[in-house]
Amino acid sequence: MAETLKNKIISITTFLYSMTEALYMKDSYLKNWDAKVVSVKDDKYIILDKTAFYPKGG
């Protein structure tokens, strides 16, 4: 049971620290920005602390 609680705490902490700042809300024409890689998932996806990529933007 303690291991399950530990996993939940880790998941919540990861979620809170991986909240990405949506730069496109402030400047939809932004082309350059600095960001940090927060995490990598399944060697396919990266989570950044900031992004100018609009979700489902094509």
N, C-alpha and C. Protein backbone atom coordinates (compact mmCIF):
# COMPACT_ATOMS: atom_id res chain seq x y z
N MET A 1 0.81 -1.19 0.00
CA MET A 1 0.00 0.00 0.00
C MET A 1 0.86 1.26 0.00
N ALA A 2 1.95 1.24 0.73
CA ALA A 2 2.84 2.40 0.78
C ALA A 2 3.44 2.68 -0.60
N GLU A 3 3.73 1.62 -1.36
CA GLU A 3 4.29 1.79 -2.70
C GLU A 3 3.28 2.48 -3.62
N THR A 4 2.01 2.14 -3.50
CA THR A 4 0.97 2.78 -4.31
C THR A 4 0.89 4.27 -3.99
N LEU A 5 0.94 4.62 -2.73
CA LEU A 5 0.91 6.02 -2.32
C LEU A 5 2.14 6.75 -2.86
N LYS A 6 3.28 6.11 -2.80
CA LYS A 6 4.52 6.70 -3.32
C LYS A 6 4.38 6.97 -4.81
N ASN A 7 3.83 6.02 -5.56
CA ASN A 7 3.64 6.20 -7.00
C ASN A 7 2.68 7.35 -7.30
N LYS A 8 1.63 7.49 -6.50
CA LYS A 8 0.68 8.59 -6.69
C LYS A 8 1.35 9.94 -6.42
N ILE A 9 2.16 10.00 -5.38
CA ILE A 9 2.86 11.25 -5.06
C ILE A 9 3.83 11.61 -6.18
N ILE A 10 4.54 10.63 -6.70
CA ILE A 10 5.46 10.88 -7.81
C ILE A 10 4.69 11.36 -9.03
N SER A 11 3.56 10.75 -9.34
CA SER A 11 2.75 11.16 -10.49
C SER A 11 2.24 12.59 -10.34
N ILE A 12 1.76 12.93 -9.17
CA ILE A 12 1.25 14.29 -8.94
C ILE A 12 2.38 15.30 -9.03
N THR A 13 3.52 15.00 -8.45
CA THR A 13 4.67 15.90 -8.50
C THR A 13 5.13 16.10 -9.94
N THR A 14 5.22 15.03 -10.70
CA THR A 14 5.61 15.13 -12.11
C THR A 14 4.63 16.00 -12.88
N PHE A 15 3.34 15.81 -12.63
CA PHE A 15 2.31 16.61 -13.31
C PHE A 15 2.47 18.09 -12.98
N LEU A 16 2.65 18.41 -11.72
CA LEU A 16 2.76 19.81 -11.32
C LEU A 16 3.98 20.49 -11.91
N TYR A 17 5.11 19.76 -11.97
CA TYR A 17 6.32 20.36 -12.51
C TYR A 17 6.35 20.34 -14.03
N SER A 18 5.42 19.65 -14.66
CA SER A 18 5.43 19.58 -16.12
C SER A 18 4.37 20.48 -16.75
N MET A 19 3.81 21.38 -15.98
CA MET A 19 2.84 22.32 -16.54
C MET A 19 3.58 23.23 -17.52
N THR A 20 3.18 23.17 -18.77
CA THR A 20 3.86 23.93 -19.81
C THR A 20 3.24 25.32 -19.97
N GLU A 21 4.08 26.33 -19.98
CA GLU A 21 3.61 27.70 -20.20
C GLU A 21 3.29 27.86 -21.68
N ALA A 22 2.07 28.28 -22.00
CA ALA A 22 1.61 28.44 -23.38
C ALA A 22 1.97 29.83 -23.90
N LEU A 23 3.13 29.94 -24.53
CA LEU A 23 3.60 31.22 -25.02
C LEU A 23 2.74 31.75 -26.16
N TYR A 24 2.09 30.86 -26.89
CA TYR A 24 1.24 31.27 -28.02
C TYR A 24 0.04 32.10 -27.57
N MET A 25 -0.31 32.04 -26.30
CA MET A 25 -1.41 32.85 -25.79
C MET A 25 -1.00 34.33 -25.68
N LYS A 26 0.29 34.58 -25.51
CA LYS A 26 0.80 35.95 -25.39
C LYS A 26 1.23 36.51 -26.74
N ASP A 27 1.78 35.65 -27.60
CA ASP A 27 2.29 36.09 -28.90
C ASP A 27 2.12 34.96 -29.90
N SER A 28 1.10 35.04 -30.73
CA SER A 28 0.80 33.95 -31.67
C SER A 28 1.78 33.91 -32.84
N TYR A 29 2.65 34.91 -32.97
CA TYR A 29 3.63 34.94 -34.05
C TYR A 29 5.05 34.62 -33.57
N LEU A 30 5.18 34.20 -32.34
CA LEU A 30 6.48 33.89 -31.75
C LEU A 30 7.17 32.78 -32.54
N LYS A 31 8.43 33.01 -32.91
CA LYS A 31 9.18 32.01 -33.69
C LYS A 31 10.40 31.48 -32.95
N ASN A 32 10.89 32.22 -31.99
CA ASN A 32 12.07 31.79 -31.22
C ASN A 32 11.81 31.97 -29.74
N TRP A 33 12.23 30.98 -28.95
CA TRP A 33 12.09 31.06 -27.50
C TRP A 33 13.02 30.04 -26.86
N ASP A 34 13.31 30.26 -25.61
CA ASP A 34 14.11 29.32 -24.83
C ASP A 34 13.18 28.50 -23.96
N ALA A 35 13.48 27.21 -23.86
CA ALA A 35 12.67 26.32 -23.02
C ALA A 35 13.57 25.24 -22.45
N LYS A 36 13.12 24.64 -21.37
CA LYS A 36 13.83 23.53 -20.75
C LYS A 36 13.03 22.25 -20.95
N VAL A 37 13.73 21.15 -21.17
CA VAL A 37 13.06 19.85 -21.27
C VAL A 37 12.76 19.40 -19.85
N VAL A 38 11.47 19.21 -19.56
CA VAL A 38 11.04 18.79 -18.23
C VAL A 38 11.12 17.28 -18.11
N SER A 39 10.67 16.57 -19.16
CA SER A 39 10.76 15.12 -19.14
C SER A 39 10.65 14.56 -20.55
N VAL A 40 11.01 13.28 -20.68
CA VAL A 40 10.91 12.55 -21.94
C VAL A 40 10.07 11.32 -21.67
N LYS A 41 9.10 11.07 -22.54
CA LYS A 41 8.19 9.93 -22.37
C LYS A 41 8.38 8.94 -23.51
N ASP A 42 8.60 7.70 -23.18
CA ASP A 42 8.68 6.60 -24.15
C ASP A 42 9.68 6.85 -25.28
N ASP A 43 10.71 7.62 -25.03
CA ASP A 43 11.72 7.96 -26.04
C ASP A 43 11.11 8.56 -27.31
N LYS A 44 9.88 9.09 -27.23
CA LYS A 44 9.21 9.68 -28.39
C LYS A 44 8.76 11.11 -28.14
N TYR A 45 8.39 11.42 -26.91
CA TYR A 45 7.76 12.69 -26.60
C TYR A 45 8.60 13.47 -25.60
N ILE A 46 8.64 14.78 -25.80
CA ILE A 46 9.30 15.63 -24.81
C ILE A 46 8.28 16.59 -24.22
N ILE A 47 8.46 16.90 -22.97
CA ILE A 47 7.62 17.88 -22.30
C ILE A 47 8.51 19.07 -21.97
N LEU A 48 8.10 20.24 -22.47
CA LEU A 48 8.86 21.46 -22.26
C LEU A 48 8.20 22.32 -21.20
N ASP A 49 8.98 23.20 -20.59
CA ASP A 49 8.39 24.11 -19.61
C ASP A 49 7.66 25.27 -20.29
N LYS A 50 7.99 25.54 -21.58
CA LYS A 50 7.35 26.60 -22.36
C LYS A 50 7.22 26.13 -23.80
N THR A 51 6.14 26.52 -24.47
CA THR A 51 6.01 26.19 -25.88
C THR A 51 5.22 27.25 -26.62
N ALA A 52 5.56 27.41 -27.91
CA ALA A 52 4.81 28.31 -28.78
C ALA A 52 4.01 27.50 -29.79
N PHE A 53 4.08 26.17 -29.69
CA PHE A 53 3.32 25.29 -30.58
C PHE A 53 1.87 25.24 -30.12
N TYR A 54 0.97 25.60 -31.01
CA TYR A 54 -0.45 25.60 -30.68
C TYR A 54 -0.98 24.18 -30.80
N PRO A 55 -1.67 23.65 -29.77
CA PRO A 55 -2.19 22.28 -29.83
C PRO A 55 -3.13 22.10 -31.02
N LYS A 56 -2.96 21.00 -31.73
CA LYS A 56 -3.78 20.66 -32.91
C LYS A 56 -3.69 21.75 -33.97
N GLY A 57 -2.56 22.45 -34.00
CA GLY A 57 -2.39 23.54 -34.95
C GLY A 57 -1.94 23.10 -36.33
N GLY A 58 -1.67 21.82 -36.50
CA GLY A 58 -1.33 21.34 -37.83
C GLY A 58 0.12 21.24 -38.13
